[in-house]
C-alpha atoms as a PDB file:
ATOM      1  CA  MET A   1      15.297 -39.383  34.421  1.00  0.00           C
ATOM      2  CA  THR A   2      13.966 -36.314  32.597  1.00  0.00           C
ATOM      3  CA  ALA A   3      11.367 -37.037  29.922  1.00  0.00           C
ATOM      4  CA  THR A   4      12.068 -35.597  26.480  1.00  0.00           C
ATOM      5  CA  LEU A   5       9.146 -33.850  24.834  1.00  0.00           C
ATOM      6  CA  SER A   6       8.501 -34.297  21.148  1.00  0.00           C
ATOM      7  CA  HIS A   7       8.665 -31.284  18.840  1.00  0.00           C
ATOM      8  CA  LEU A   8       4.870 -30.926  18.769  1.00  0.00           C
ATOM      9  CA  SER A   9       4.586 -31.432  22.523  1.00  0.00           C
ATOM     10  CA  ARG A  10       7.061 -28.593  23.111  1.00  0.00           C
ATOM     11  CA  LEU A  11       5.115 -26.302  20.814  1.00  0.00           C
ATOM     12  CA  GLU A  12       1.849 -27.274  22.500  1.00  0.00           C
ATOM     13  CA  SER A  13       3.287 -26.670  25.992  1.00  0.00           C
ATOM     14  CA  GLU A  14       4.692 -23.299  24.944  1.00  0.00           C
ATOM     15  CA  ALA A  15       1.360 -22.166  23.459  1.00  0.00           C
ATOM     16  CA  ILE A  16      -0.619 -23.303  26.514  1.00  0.00           C
ATOM     17  CA  TYR A  17       1.825 -21.535  28.842  1.00  0.00           C
ATOM     18  CA  ILE A  18       1.448 -18.283  26.880  1.00  0.00           C
ATOM     19  CA  LEU A  19      -2.353 -18.564  26.848  1.00  0.00           C
ATOM     20  CA  ARG A  20      -2.431 -19.024  30.635  1.00  0.00           C
ATOM     21  CA  GLU A  21       0.175 -16.323  31.267  1.00  0.00           C
ATOM     22  CA  ALA A  22      -1.745 -13.781  29.192  1.00  0.00           C
ATOM     23  CA  VAL A  23      -5.115 -14.601  30.753  1.00  0.00           C
ATOM     24  CA  ALA A  24      -3.623 -14.323  34.233  1.00  0.00           C
ATOM     25  CA  GLU A  25      -2.625 -10.715  33.512  1.00  0.00           C
ATOM     26  CA  ALA A  26      -5.581  -9.740  31.296  1.00  0.00           C
ATOM     27  CA  ARG A  27      -8.420  -7.504  32.340  1.00  0.00           C
ATOM     28  CA  LYS A  28     -10.637  -8.557  29.407  1.00  0.00           C
ATOM     29  CA  PRO A  29      -9.182 -11.006  26.852  1.00  0.00           C
ATOM     30  CA  VAL A  30     -10.592 -12.078  23.478  1.00  0.00           C
ATOM     31  CA  MET A  31      -9.491 -14.499  20.756  1.00  0.00           C
ATOM     32  CA  LEU A  32      -9.710 -13.594  17.090  1.00  0.00           C
ATOM     33  CA  PHE A  33     -11.300 -16.422  15.137  1.00  0.00           C
ATOM     34  CA  SER A  34     -11.355 -16.497  11.346  1.00  0.00           C
ATOM     35  CA  ALA A  35     -12.264 -20.225  11.232  1.00  0.00           C
ATOM     36  CA  GLY A  36      -9.021 -20.836   9.340  1.00  0.00           C
ATOM     37  CA  LYS A  37      -6.656 -23.646  10.278  1.00  0.00           C
ATOM     38  CA  ASP A  38      -4.438 -21.562  12.566  1.00  0.00           C
ATOM     39  CA  SER A  39      -7.252 -19.985  14.579  1.00  0.00           C
ATOM     40  CA  THR A  40      -9.008 -23.356  14.803  1.00  0.00           C
ATOM     41  CA  VAL A  41      -5.896 -25.045  16.198  1.00  0.00           C
ATOM     42  CA  LEU A  42      -5.376 -22.101  18.571  1.00  0.00           C
ATOM     43  CA  ALA A  43      -8.962 -22.376  19.833  1.00  0.00           C
ATOM     44  CA  HIS A  44      -8.412 -26.108  20.466  1.00  0.00           C
ATOM     45  CA  LEU A  45      -5.254 -25.273  22.431  1.00  0.00           C
ATOM     46  CA  ALA A  46      -7.321 -22.858  24.518  1.00  0.00           C
ATOM     47  CA  LEU A  47      -9.798 -25.636  25.237  1.00  0.00           C
ATOM     48  CA  ARG A  48      -6.903 -27.780  26.495  1.00  0.00           C
ATOM     49  CA  ALA A  49      -5.305 -24.933  28.434  1.00  0.00           C
ATOM     50  CA  PHE A  50      -8.381 -24.243  30.562  1.00  0.00           C
ATOM     51  CA  PHE A  51      -9.953 -27.716  30.747  1.00  0.00           C
ATOM     52  CA  PRO A  52     -12.203 -28.734  32.462  1.00  0.00           C
ATOM     53  CA  GLY A  53     -13.470 -25.155  32.489  1.00  0.00           C
ATOM     54  CA  ARG A  54     -14.243 -23.187  29.359  1.00  0.00           C
ATOM     55  CA  PRO A  55     -11.732 -20.653  28.021  1.00  0.00           C
ATOM     56  CA  PRO A  56     -12.437 -17.340  29.817  1.00  0.00           C
ATOM     57  CA  PHE A  57     -12.872 -15.281  26.671  1.00  0.00           C
ATOM     58  CA  PRO A  58     -15.123 -15.080  23.598  1.00  0.00           C
ATOM     59  CA  LEU A  59     -14.217 -15.578  19.954  1.00  0.00           C
ATOM     60  CA  LEU A  60     -14.275 -12.485  17.730  1.00  0.00           C
ATOM     61  CA  HIS A  61     -14.729 -12.656  13.967  1.00  0.00           C
ATOM     62  CA  ILE A  62     -14.427  -9.626  11.701  1.00  0.00           C
ATOM     63  CA  ASP A  63     -16.757 -10.395   8.797  1.00  0.00           C
ATOM     64  CA  SER A  64     -15.560  -8.573   5.694  1.00  0.00           C
ATOM     65  CA  THR A  65     -18.849  -9.536   3.944  1.00  0.00           C
ATOM     66  CA  TRP A  66     -16.738 -11.410   1.369  1.00  0.00           C
ATOM     67  CA  GLU A  67     -16.069 -14.542   3.411  1.00  0.00           C
ATOM     68  CA  PHE A  68     -16.482 -18.026   1.978  1.00  0.00           C
ATOM     69  CA  ARG A  69     -20.007 -19.102   2.831  1.00  0.00           C
ATOM     70  CA  SER A  70     -18.916 -22.585   3.924  1.00  0.00           C
ATOM     71  CA  LEU A  71     -16.344 -20.987   6.238  1.00  0.00           C
ATOM     72  CA  LEU A  72     -19.068 -19.024   8.002  1.00  0.00           C
ATOM     73  CA  ARG A  73     -21.053 -22.234   8.505  1.00  0.00           C
ATOM     74  CA  PHE A  74     -17.942 -23.911   9.946  1.00  0.00           C
ATOM     75  CA  ARG A  75     -17.340 -20.887  12.215  1.00  0.00           C
ATOM     76  CA  ASP A  76     -20.833 -21.011  13.675  1.00  0.00           C
ATOM     77  CA  ALA A  77     -20.799 -24.793  14.115  1.00  0.00           C
ATOM     78  CA  PHE A  78     -17.391 -24.693  15.839  1.00  0.00           C
ATOM     79  CA  ALA A  79     -18.462 -22.060  18.367  1.00  0.00           C
ATOM     80  CA  ARG A  80     -21.710 -23.891  19.071  1.00  0.00           C
ATOM     81  CA  GLU A  81     -20.049 -27.312  19.474  1.00  0.00           C
ATOM     82  CA  HIS A  82     -17.357 -26.091  21.872  1.00  0.00           C
ATOM     83  CA  GLY A  83     -19.427 -23.646  23.896  1.00  0.00           C
ATOM     84  CA  PHE A  84     -17.677 -20.442  22.866  1.00  0.00           C
ATOM     85  CA  LYS A  85     -19.470 -17.128  22.821  1.00  0.00           C
ATOM     86  CA  LEU A  86     -19.028 -15.813  19.274  1.00  0.00           C
ATOM     87  CA  ILE A  87     -18.937 -12.079  18.515  1.00  0.00           C
ATOM     88  CA  VAL A  88     -19.268 -11.108  14.849  1.00  0.00           C
ATOM     89  CA  HIS A  89     -18.503  -7.535  13.856  1.00  0.00           C
ATOM     90  CA  VAL A  90     -19.224  -5.988  10.445  1.00  0.00           C
ATOM     91  CA  ASN A  91     -18.689  -2.516   9.039  1.00  0.00           C
ATOM     92  CA  GLU A  92     -22.295  -1.985   7.999  1.00  0.00           C
ATOM     93  CA  GLU A  93     -21.558   1.386   6.430  1.00  0.00           C
ATOM     94  CA  GLY A  94     -18.948  -0.231   4.203  1.00  0.00           C
ATOM     95  CA  ARG A  95     -21.371  -2.996   3.279  1.00  0.00           C
ATOM     96  CA  ALA A  96     -24.018  -0.409   2.370  1.00  0.00           C
ATOM     97  CA  ALA A  97     -21.452   1.518   0.303  1.00  0.00           C
ATOM     98  CA  GLY A  98     -20.634  -1.635  -1.660  1.00  0.00           C
ATOM     99  CA  LEU A  99     -16.947  -1.770  -0.733  1.00  0.00           C
ATOM    100  CA  ASN A 100     -15.413  -4.827  -2.347  1.00  0.00           C
ATOM    101  CA  PRO A 101     -11.973  -6.315  -3.070  1.00  0.00           C
ATOM    102  CA  PHE A 102     -12.466  -6.074  -6.847  1.00  0.00           C
ATOM    103  CA  ASP A 103     -12.756  -2.301  -7.067  1.00  0.00           C
ATOM    104  CA  HIS A 104     -11.394  -0.860  -3.827  1.00  0.00           C
ATOM    105  CA  GLY A 105      -8.125  -2.682  -3.081  1.00  0.00           C
ATOM    106  CA  ASP A 106      -6.359  -1.421   0.045  1.00  0.00           C
ATOM    107  CA  ARG A 107      -9.282   0.829   0.928  1.00  0.00           C
ATOM    108  CA  TYR A 108     -11.420  -2.307   1.204  1.00  0.00           C
ATOM    109  CA  THR A 109      -8.890  -3.980   3.546  1.00  0.00           C
ATOM    110  CA  LEU A 110      -8.657  -0.851   5.688  1.00  0.00           C
ATOM    111  CA  GLU A 111     -12.386  -0.199   5.959  1.00  0.00           C
ATOM    112  CA  MET A 112     -13.739  -3.755   6.024  1.00  0.00           C
ATOM    113  CA  ARG A 113     -11.049  -5.478   8.097  1.00  0.00           C
ATOM    114  CA  THR A 114      -8.694  -3.083   9.907  1.00  0.00           C
ATOM    115  CA  GLU A 115     -11.119  -0.387  11.051  1.00  0.00           C
ATOM    116  CA  PRO A 116     -13.876  -2.855  12.086  1.00  0.00           C
ATOM    117  CA  LEU A 117     -11.305  -4.816  14.104  1.00  0.00           C
ATOM    118  CA  LYS A 118     -10.211  -1.694  15.965  1.00  0.00           C
ATOM    119  CA  ALA A 119     -13.836  -0.667  16.483  1.00  0.00           C
ATOM    120  CA  ALA A 120     -14.788  -4.105  17.836  1.00  0.00           C
ATOM    121  CA  LEU A 121     -11.834  -4.130  20.252  1.00  0.00           C
ATOM    122  CA  ASP A 122     -12.700  -0.645  21.499  1.00  0.00           C
ATOM    123  CA  LEU A 123     -16.383  -1.514  21.815  1.00  0.00           C
ATOM    124  CA  GLY A 124     -15.606  -4.634  23.826  1.00  0.00           C
ATOM    125  CA  GLY A 125     -12.908  -2.976  25.912  1.00  0.00           C
ATOM    126  CA  PHE A 126     -10.500  -5.865  25.202  1.00  0.00           C
ATOM    127  CA  ASP A 127      -6.910  -5.483  26.355  1.00  0.00           C
ATOM    128  CA  ILE A 128      -5.401  -8.883  25.458  1.00  0.00           C
ATOM    129  CA  VAL A 129      -6.155 -10.083  21.916  1.00  0.00           C
ATOM    130  CA  PHE A 130      -5.094 -13.611  20.967  1.00  0.00           C
ATOM    131  CA  GLY A 131      -4.343 -14.388  17.339  1.00  0.00           C
ATOM    132  CA  GLY A 132      -3.088 -17.327  15.324  1.00  0.00           C
ATOM    133  CA  ALA A 133      -0.331 -15.571  13.351  1.00  0.00           C
ATOM    134  CA  ARG A 134       2.924 -17.488  12.845  1.00  0.00           C
ATOM    135  CA  ARG A 135       6.374 -16.045  12.191  1.00  0.00           C
ATOM    136  CA  ASP A 136       6.997 -18.281   9.178  1.00  0.00           C
ATOM    137  CA  GLU A 137       4.059 -16.859   7.222  1.00  0.00           C
ATOM    138  CA  GLU A 138       5.508 -13.521   6.110  1.00  0.00           C
ATOM    139  CA  LYS A 139       8.557 -11.355   6.869  1.00  0.00           C
ATOM    140  CA  SER A 140       6.656  -8.663   8.803  1.00  0.00           C
ATOM    141  CA  ARG A 141       5.150 -11.317  11.058  1.00  0.00           C
ATOM    142  CA  ALA A 142       8.649 -12.564  11.837  1.00  0.00           C
ATOM    143  CA  LYS A 143       9.206  -9.216  13.615  1.00  0.00           C
ATOM    144  CA  GLU A 144       6.442  -9.892  16.132  1.00  0.00           C
ATOM    145  CA  ARG A 145       7.043 -10.971  19.709  1.00  0.00           C
ATOM    146  CA  PHE A 146       4.714 -13.382  21.513  1.00  0.00           C
ATOM    147  CA  PHE A 147       3.343 -10.326  23.355  1.00  0.00           C
ATOM    148  CA  SER A 148       3.100  -7.511  20.808  1.00  0.00           C
ATOM    149  CA  VAL A 149       2.145  -4.214  22.435  1.00  0.00           C
ATOM    150  CA  ARG A 150      -0.118  -1.810  20.556  1.00  0.00           C
ATOM    151  CA  ALA A 151      -0.208   1.915  21.297  1.00  0.00           C
ATOM    152  CA  LYS A 152      -3.266   4.154  21.367  1.00  0.00           C
ATOM    153  CA  GLY A 153      -5.372   3.525  18.274  1.00  0.00           C
ATOM    154  CA  HIS A 154      -3.999  -0.048  18.050  1.00  0.00           C
ATOM    155  CA  ILE A 155      -0.899   1.202  16.223  1.00  0.00           C
ATOM    156  CA  TRP A 156       2.044  -1.194  15.921  1.00  0.00           C
ATOM    157  CA  GLU A 157       5.645   0.009  15.979  1.00  0.00           C
ATOM    158  CA  PRO A 158       8.057  -2.891  15.343  1.00  0.00           C
ATOM    159  CA  ARG A 159      11.057  -0.952  16.698  1.00  0.00           C
ATOM    160  CA  GLN A 160       9.399  -0.702  20.093  1.00  0.00           C
ATOM    161  CA  GLN A 161       8.873  -4.425  20.616  1.00  0.00           C
ATOM    162  CA  ARG A 162       9.803  -5.686  24.070  1.00  0.00           C
ATOM    163  CA  PRO A 163      12.624  -8.230  24.504  1.00  0.00           C
ATOM    164  CA  GLU A 164      11.545 -11.746  25.458  1.00  0.00           C
ATOM    165  CA  LEU A 165      14.790 -13.290  26.656  1.00  0.00           C
ATOM    166  CA  TRP A 166      14.684 -16.726  28.295  1.00  0.00           C
ATOM    167  CA  ASN A 167      10.923 -16.921  27.656  1.00  0.00           C
ATOM    168  CA  LEU A 168      10.215 -14.128  30.129  1.00  0.00           C
ATOM    169  CA  TYR A 169       7.321 -11.922  29.046  1.00  0.00           C
ATOM    170  CA  ASN A 170       6.539  -8.346  30.049  1.00  0.00           C
ATOM    171  CA  THR A 171       2.754  -8.297  30.063  1.00  0.00           C
ATOM    172  CA  ARG A 172       2.274  -4.924  31.752  1.00  0.00           C
ATOM    173  CA  LEU A 173       0.111  -2.429  29.891  1.00  0.00           C
ATOM    174  CA  VAL A 174      -0.433   1.236  30.606  1.00  0.00           C
ATOM    175  CA  SER A 175      -3.486   3.314  29.768  1.00  0.00           C
ATOM    176  CA  ASN A 176      -4.447   3.206  26.065  1.00  0.00           C
ATOM    177  CA  GLN A 177      -2.211   0.190  25.398  1.00  0.00           C
ATOM    178  CA  SER A 178      -3.332  -3.274  24.361  1.00  0.00           C
ATOM    179  CA  ALA A 179      -1.458  -6.410  23.381  1.00  0.00           C
ATOM    180  CA  ARG A 180      -1.795  -8.828  20.511  1.00  0.00           C
ATOM    181  CA  VAL A 181      -0.644 -12.236  21.749  1.00  0.00           C
ATOM    182  CA  PHE A 182       0.530 -14.922  19.321  1.00  0.00           C
ATOM    183  CA  PRO A 183       0.907 -18.347  21.001  1.00  0.00           C
ATOM    184  CA  LEU A 184       1.601 -20.028  17.621  1.00  0.00           C
ATOM    185  CA  SER A 185       4.551 -17.791  16.753  1.00  0.00           C
ATOM    186  CA  ASN A 186       7.080 -20.632  16.596  1.00  0.00           C
ATOM    187  CA  TRP A 187       4.833 -23.015  14.666  1.00  0.00           C
ATOM    188  CA  THR A 188       5.126 -23.670  10.938  1.00  0.00           C
ATOM    189  CA  GLU A 189       2.425 -24.498   8.423  1.00  0.00           C
ATOM    190  CA  ALA A 190       3.493 -28.149   8.579  1.00  0.00           C
ATOM    191  CA  ASP A 191       3.291 -28.111  12.390  1.00  0.00           C
ATOM    192  CA  ILE A 192      -0.321 -26.911  12.201  1.00  0.00           C
ATOM    193  CA  TRP A 193      -1.333 -29.673   9.822  1.00  0.00           C
ATOM    194  CA  ILE A 194       0.537 -32.415  11.689  1.00  0.00           C
ATOM    195  CA  TYR A 195      -0.909 -31.279  15.042  1.00  0.00           C
ATOM    196  CA  ALA A 196      -4.428 -31.294  13.581  1.00  0.00           C
ATOM    197  CA  LEU A 197      -3.829 -34.800  12.219  1.00  0.00           C
ATOM    198  CA  ALA A 198      -2.361 -36.094  15.494  1.00  0.00           C
ATOM    199  CA  ASN A 199      -5.248 -34.678  17.532  1.00  0.00           C
ATOM    200  CA  ASP A 200      -8.061 -35.418  15.086  1.00  0.00           C
ATOM    201  CA  ILE A 201      -9.045 -31.744  14.786  1.00  0.00           C
ATOM    202  CA  SER A 202     -11.755 -30.994  12.257  1.00  0.00           C
ATOM    203  CA  LEU A 203     -10.890 -28.143   9.904  1.00  0.00           C
ATOM    204  CA  ALA A 204     -12.890 -26.158   7.364  1.00  0.00           C
ATOM    205  CA  PRO A 205     -13.781 -28.193   4.242  1.00  0.00           C
ATOM    206  CA  LEU A 206     -12.124 -25.627   1.959  1.00  0.00           C
ATOM    207  CA  TYR A 207      -8.719 -27.001   3.000  1.00  0.00           C
ATOM    208  CA  PHE A 208      -9.466 -30.300   1.282  1.00  0.00           C
ATOM    209  CA  ALA A 209      -9.527 -31.008  -2.439  1.00  0.00           C
ATOM    210  CA  ALA A 210     -12.900 -31.009  -4.170  1.00  0.00           C
ATOM    211  CA  GLU A 211     -14.311 -30.033  -7.532  1.00  0.00           C
ATOM    212  CA  ARG A 212     -14.861 -26.273  -7.479  1.00  0.00           C
ATOM    213  CA  ARG A 213     -15.766 -23.670 -10.097  1.00  0.00           C
ATOM    214  CA  VAL A 214     -12.731 -21.456 -10.596  1.00  0.00           C
ATOM    215  CA  VAL A 215     -11.388 -18.775 -12.915  1.00  0.00           C
ATOM    216  CA  LEU A 216      -7.748 -17.922 -13.618  1.00  0.00           C
ATOM    217  CA  ARG A 217      -7.287 -14.303 -12.518  1.00  0.00           C
ATOM    218  CA  ASP A 218      -4.133 -12.336 -11.690  1.00  0.00           C
ATOM    219  CA  GLY A 219      -2.122 -15.540 -11.825  1.00  0.00           C
ATOM    220  CA  GLY A 220      -4.275 -17.411  -9.297  1.00  0.00           C
ATOM    221  CA  LEU A 221      -7.187 -19.826  -9.393  1.00  0.00           C
ATOM    222  CA  ILE A 222     -10.073 -17.937  -7.784  1.00  0.00           C
ATOM    223  CA  ALA A 223     -13.043 -20.019  -6.661  1.00  0.00           C
ATOM    224  CA  ILE A 224     -16.332 -18.390  -7.585  1.00  0.00           C
ATOM    225  CA  ASP A 225     -18.103 -18.562  -4.247  1.00  0.00           C
ATOM    226  CA  ASP A 226     -20.952 -16.274  -5.303  1.00  0.00           C
ATOM    227  CA  ALA A 227     -21.422 -15.958  -9.064  1.00  0.00           C
ATOM    228  CA  ALA A 228     -23.856 -13.068  -8.688  1.00  0.00           C
ATOM    229  CA  ARG A 229     -21.116 -10.956  -7.094  1.00  0.00           C
ATOM    230  CA  MET A 230     -18.239 -11.931  -9.417  1.00  0.00           C
ATOM    231  CA  PRO A 231     -18.775 -10.956 -13.059  1.00  0.00           C
ATOM    232  CA  LEU A 232     -16.213 -12.479 -15.385  1.00  0.00           C
ATOM    233  CA  ARG A 233     -13.809 -10.181 -17.181  1.00  0.00           C
ATOM    234  CA  ALA A 234     -13.405 -10.165 -20.939  1.00  0.00           C
ATOM    235  CA  GLY A 235     -11.614 -13.326 -22.015  1.00  0.00           C
ATOM    236  CA  GLU A 236     -12.163 -15.169 -18.742  1.00  0.00           C
ATOM    237  CA  THR A 237     -13.799 -18.588 -18.664  1.00  0.00           C
ATOM    238  CA  ALA A 238     -14.928 -20.392 -15.547  1.00  0.00           C
ATOM    239  CA  GLU A 239     -14.119 -24.100 -15.325  1.00  0.00           C
ATOM    240  CA  ILE A 240     -14.363 -26.962 -12.880  1.00  0.00           C
ATOM    241  CA  LYS A 241     -11.075 -28.015 -11.274  1.00  0.00           C
ATOM    242  CA  THR A 242     -10.145 -30.158  -8.292  1.00  0.00           C
ATOM    243  CA  VAL A 243      -8.593 -27.655  -5.915  1.00  0.00           C
ATOM    244  CA  ARG A 244      -8.091 -26.839  -2.250  1.00  0.00           C
ATOM    245  CA  PHE A 245      -6.815 -23.867  -0.231  1.00  0.00           C
ATOM    246  CA  ARG A 246      -3.657 -23.594   1.863  1.00  0.00           C
ATOM    247  CA  THR A 247      -4.705 -20.244   3.319  1.00  0.00           C
ATOM    248  CA  LEU A 248      -8.114 -18.585   3.572  1.00  0.00           C
ATOM    249  CA  GLY A 249      -9.096 -14.945   3.288  1.00  0.00           C
ATOM    250  CA  CYS A 250     -11.717 -13.038   1.325  1.00  0.00           C
ATOM    251  CA  TRP A 251     -12.692 -15.378  -1.476  1.00  0.00           C
ATOM    252  CA  PRO A 252     -12.189 -12.997  -4.442  1.00  0.00           C
ATOM    253  CA  VAL A 253      -8.501 -12.519  -3.556  1.00  0.00           C
ATOM    254  CA  THR A 254      -7.552 -15.951  -2.203  1.00  0.00           C
ATOM    255  CA  ALA A 255      -6.159 -18.380  -4.739  1.00  0.00           C
ATOM    256  CA  ALA A 256      -6.666 -22.135  -4.643  1.00  0.00           C
ATOM    257  CA  VAL A 257      -4.129 -24.773  -5.635  1.00  0.00           C
ATOM    258  CA  GLU A 258      -4.785 -27.815  -7.770  1.00  0.00           C
ATOM    259  CA  SER A 259      -4.646 -30.846  -5.506  1.00  0.00           C
ATOM    260  CA  GLU A 260      -5.874 -34.372  -4.896  1.00  0.00           C
ATOM    261  CA  ALA A 261      -5.458 -34.135  -1.112  1.00  0.00           C
ATOM    262  CA  THR A 262      -8.868 -34.964   0.326  1.00  0.00           C
ATOM    263  CA  ASP A 263      -7.896 -35.770   3.929  1.00  0.00           C
ATOM    264  CA  LEU A 264      -5.473 -34.507   6.575  1.00  0.00           C
ATOM    265  CA  ARG A 265      -2.875 -37.200   5.987  1.00  0.00           C
ATOM    266  CA  SER A 266      -2.570 -36.392   2.285  1.00  0.00           C
ATOM    267  CA  VAL A 267      -2.571 -32.641   3.038  1.00  0.00           C
ATOM    268  CA  VAL A 268       0.393 -33.177   5.387  1.00  0.00           C
ATOM    269  CA  GLN A 269       2.279 -35.095   2.690  1.00  0.00           C
ATOM    270  CA  GLU A 270       1.530 -32.388   0.138  1.00  0.00           C
ATOM    271  CA  THR A 271       2.596 -29.606   2.512  1.00  0.00           C
ATOM    272  CA  LEU A 272       5.924 -31.263   3.325  1.00  0.00           C
ATOM    273  CA  ALA A 273       6.674 -31.520  -0.392  1.00  0.00           C
ATOM    274  CA  ALA A 274       5.616 -27.944  -1.246  1.00  0.00           C
ATOM    275  CA  SER A 275       8.238 -25.415  -2.371  1.00  0.00           C
ATOM    276  CA  ALA A 276       5.998 -22.311  -2.462  1.00  0.00           C
ATOM    277  CA  SER A 277       4.821 -20.243   0.501  1.00  0.00           C
ATOM    278  CA  GLU A 278       1.211 -20.658   1.575  1.00  0.00           C
ATOM    279  CA  ARG A 279       0.702 -16.870   1.482  1.00  0.00           C
ATOM    280  CA  GLN A 280       1.403 -16.784  -2.246  1.00  0.00           C
ATOM    281  CA  GLY A 281      -2.294 -17.576  -2.404  1.00  0.00           C
ATOM    282  CA  ARG A 282      -3.115 -14.241  -0.693  1.00  0.00           C
ATOM    283  CA  ILE A 283      -3.358 -11.974  -3.714  1.00  0.00           C
ATOM    284  CA  SER A 284      -4.483  -9.162  -1.418  1.00  0.00           C
ATOM    285  CA  ASP A 285      -1.135  -8.997   0.444  1.00  0.00           C
ATOM    286  CA  GLY A 286       0.278  -6.709  -2.214  1.00  0.00           C
ATOM    287  CA  ASP A 287      -2.760  -4.669  -3.191  1.00  0.00           C
ATOM    288  CA  GLU A 288      -1.931  -1.377  -4.896  1.00  0.00           C
ATOM    289  CA  GLY A 289       1.677  -1.504  -3.796  1.00  0.00           C
ATOM    290  CA  GLY A 290       0.721  -1.883  -0.148  1.00  0.00           C
ATOM    291  CA  SER A 291       2.441  -4.277   2.217  1.00  0.00           C
ATOM    292  CA  LEU A 292       1.313  -6.455   5.073  1.00  0.00           C
ATOM    293  CA  GLU A 293       3.677  -4.582   7.408  1.00  0.00           C
ATOM    294  CA  GLN A 294       2.076  -1.238   6.565  1.00  0.00           C
ATOM    295  CA  LYS A 295      -1.381  -2.722   7.142  1.00  0.00           C
ATOM    296  CA  LYS A 296      -0.207  -4.065  10.506  1.00  0.00           C
ATOM    297  CA  ARG A 297       1.137  -0.644  11.498  1.00  0.00           C
ATOM    298  CA  GLU A 298      -2.366   0.727  10.832  1.00  0.00           C
ATOM    299  CA  GLY A 299      -3.931  -1.867  13.119  1.00  0.00           C
ATOM    300  CA  TYR A 300      -4.512  -4.859  10.827  1.00  0.00           C
ATOM    301  CA  PHE A 301      -4.005  -8.083  12.730  1.00  0.00           C
END
């Protein structure tokens, strides 16, 4: 009699298979780690995939210099607890120039996230780059394969994606090519939360409702993570609200949602009842008329 896997078990098995398949072919792999829910779940899957050994790659975080401070503490604690080597890369020239999401829009994303990512990958000589992107997040991500080949300069061309029929993956790379590998491609936001609940995975505190100082800006509730770096605009008033985050990015352009969900079980219930996309909280996705697909073509993860 053939055992029937549950939905989550199938997703877990698929992700672990892809992790092992990619590592088997990699010369020097790395896993991007933002400390968000998707990358945290992906890192836990890596721990399962290579148990009892440690995953044979480091974690890489691109610090935009506008990260939530509590997220950075969670990042460091996670790497320390699970024995990962953590590489943090920052565009120090951009930091010195004062690039910020308030004044510099898409230039900030390019110079503080995209270019530092490409520089860190080149510096480390990494050929296989794991990431926690999911197809359900945004339409350009739905175009990605599990193994997404990047040309010289880490450029992405969606029309040149390789077919992946019958779960067969072409992992061969030629000179100047690299691959972004997305083991969570078939997962949904709800799957991530339910898997974390089922496996008792600790996630960043920002995902759970708490009283936070926020201001209504550009249609979103922006948590003031560092008051010294966020002057209020004319007519704005900061107030205390009970909020949480469904997605996490740079804090000045990531909107919170009002919520009473203080634990994983209540977050799951809230997610299943939600009618809006989680990425509606990413105000930066549409900066200055730009699109996530264009950013990805330039090398953004």
